Amino acid sequence: MLIVKRKLKFKTMDLSTYKFPEVTKVDLAFPTFNTPKELVEEAKKRNPQKGMKKFSELFYSGGKIELKKDVEGTWKENAYMYARALMGSWSPKHEHKELVVGMIFEECLVL
């Protein structure tokens, strides 16, 4: 009997077309954002291990970050600000925050 294993390829969402909410200074101080279902599902598909590790480091211990050179002035800047606010929000499950923020970190940070 021959068993063939194959990897399933999932079509990934183009995050540059996703409408991340505008984040204000008040949102950063008092975050109330939630994790949209479509971002959670996308993050599960991508399995952003490096980004999730960075999330855990920052969430539990603090630390330093380095933004990629192409972040400022692009959709990535807005996504990064959303991720920062999401980290402090009480609304979503921690696991969902970790997935979504990890995915955004992989797009925006040097890891």
Protein backbone atom coordinates (compact mmCIF):
# COMPACT_ATOMS: atom_id res chain seq x y z
CA MET A 1 0.00 0.00 0.00
CA LEU A 2 1.42 3.36 -1.02
CA ILE A 3 0.67 6.42 1.11
CA VAL A 4 1.23 9.79 -0.45
CA LYS A 5 1.44 12.88 1.69
CA ARG A 6 0.86 16.23 0.10
CA LYS A 7 0.79 19.69 1.46
CA LEU A 8 -2.39 21.61 0.95
CA LYS A 9 -1.84 25.09 -0.36
CA PHE A 10 -4.26 27.69 0.91
CA LYS A 11 -4.90 30.84 -0.99
CA THR A 12 -3.82 33.67 1.27
CA MET A 13 -5.58 36.97 1.70
CA ASP A 14 -3.87 40.06 0.31
CA LEU A 15 -3.53 42.10 3.51
CA SER A 16 -2.75 45.24 1.52
CA THR A 17 -6.39 45.32 0.43
CA TYR A 18 -7.82 44.74 3.92
CA LYS A 19 -9.37 47.85 5.50
CA PHE A 20 -7.62 48.08 8.86
CA PRO A 21 -9.31 50.60 11.17
CA GLU A 22 -7.73 53.99 11.73
CA VAL A 23 -6.01 54.04 15.13
CA THR A 24 -5.86 57.22 17.18
CA LYS A 25 -3.76 58.05 20.23
CA VAL A 26 -6.88 57.50 22.34
CA ASP A 27 -7.26 54.02 20.79
CA LEU A 28 -3.70 53.22 21.81
CA ALA A 29 -4.32 54.41 25.37
CA PHE A 30 -7.74 52.77 25.75
CA PRO A 31 -7.95 50.02 23.11
CA THR A 32 -11.34 48.46 22.38
CA PHE A 33 -10.56 46.64 19.13
CA ASN A 34 -11.59 43.07 18.46
CA THR A 35 -10.21 40.41 16.12
CA PRO A 36 -12.34 40.11 12.98
CA LYS A 37 -13.16 36.51 12.05
CA GLU A 38 -11.57 36.83 8.60
CA LEU A 39 -8.22 37.95 10.08
CA VAL A 40 -8.25 35.13 12.63
CA GLU A 41 -8.91 32.57 9.87
CA GLU A 42 -6.17 34.06 7.67
CA ALA A 43 -3.69 34.01 10.55
CA LYS A 44 -4.53 30.35 11.26
CA LYS A 45 -3.75 29.50 7.62
CA ARG A 46 -0.45 31.38 7.71
CA ASN A 47 0.64 30.04 11.13
CA PRO A 48 2.89 33.05 11.91
CA GLN A 49 5.27 31.41 14.39
CA LYS A 50 7.99 34.11 14.32
CA GLY A 51 5.43 36.89 14.72
CA MET A 52 3.67 35.05 17.55
CA LYS A 53 6.99 34.58 19.34
CA LYS A 54 7.63 38.34 19.08
CA PHE A 55 4.08 39.04 20.30
CA SER A 56 4.67 36.89 23.39
CA GLU A 57 8.01 38.56 24.09
CA LEU A 58 6.51 42.05 23.89
CA PHE A 59 3.29 41.12 25.71
CA TYR A 60 4.94 39.45 28.69
CA SER A 61 8.39 41.05 28.94
CA GLY A 62 8.53 44.12 26.73
CA GLY A 63 11.32 44.56 24.24
CA LYS A 64 12.46 46.37 21.15
CA ILE A 65 11.12 46.29 17.63
CA GLU A 66 12.49 47.26 14.26
CA LEU A 67 10.06 48.16 11.51
CA LYS A 68 10.80 47.06 7.97
CA LYS A 69 11.85 49.91 5.68
CA ASP A 70 8.67 49.73 3.59
CA VAL A 71 6.22 50.25 6.49
CA GLU A 72 6.04 54.03 6.88
CA GLY A 73 3.33 55.66 4.81
CA THR A 74 1.83 52.39 3.56
CA TRP A 75 -1.00 50.06 4.57
CA LYS A 76 1.54 48.30 6.80
CA GLU A 77 1.80 51.37 9.04
CA ASN A 78 -1.95 51.31 9.65
CA ALA A 79 -1.86 47.53 10.20
CA TYR A 80 0.99 47.90 12.69
CA MET A 81 -0.89 50.58 14.64
CA TYR A 82 -3.94 48.29 14.70
CA ALA A 83 -1.74 45.45 16.03
CA ARG A 84 -0.37 47.70 18.79
CA ALA A 85 -3.89 48.67 19.87
CA LEU A 86 -5.11 45.08 19.60
CA MET A 87 -2.39 43.87 21.96
CA GLY A 88 -3.85 45.98 24.77
CA SER A 89 -7.51 45.30 24.06
CA TRP A 90 -9.53 43.21 26.51
CA SER A 91 -12.19 42.17 23.98
CA PRO A 92 -10.62 39.35 21.94
CA LYS A 93 -9.41 35.98 23.12
CA HIS A 94 -5.69 36.02 23.82
CA GLU A 95 -5.10 33.24 21.28
CA HIS A 96 -6.81 35.29 18.56
CA LYS A 97 -4.78 38.39 19.44
CA GLU A 98 -1.60 36.35 19.30
CA LEU A 99 -2.45 34.94 15.85
CA VAL A 100 -3.56 38.21 14.24
CA VAL A 101 -0.82 40.37 15.76
CA GLY A 102 1.77 37.71 14.89
CA MET A 103 0.63 37.75 11.27
CA ILE A 104 0.84 41.55 11.13
CA PHE A 105 4.24 41.53 12.81
CA GLU A 106 5.58 39.18 10.13
CA GLU A 107 4.52 41.75 7.51
CA CYS A 108 5.79 44.82 9.35
CA LEU A 109 8.72 43.94 11.62
CA VAL A 110 12.24 42.71 11.09
CA LEU A 111 12.15 39.38 12.93
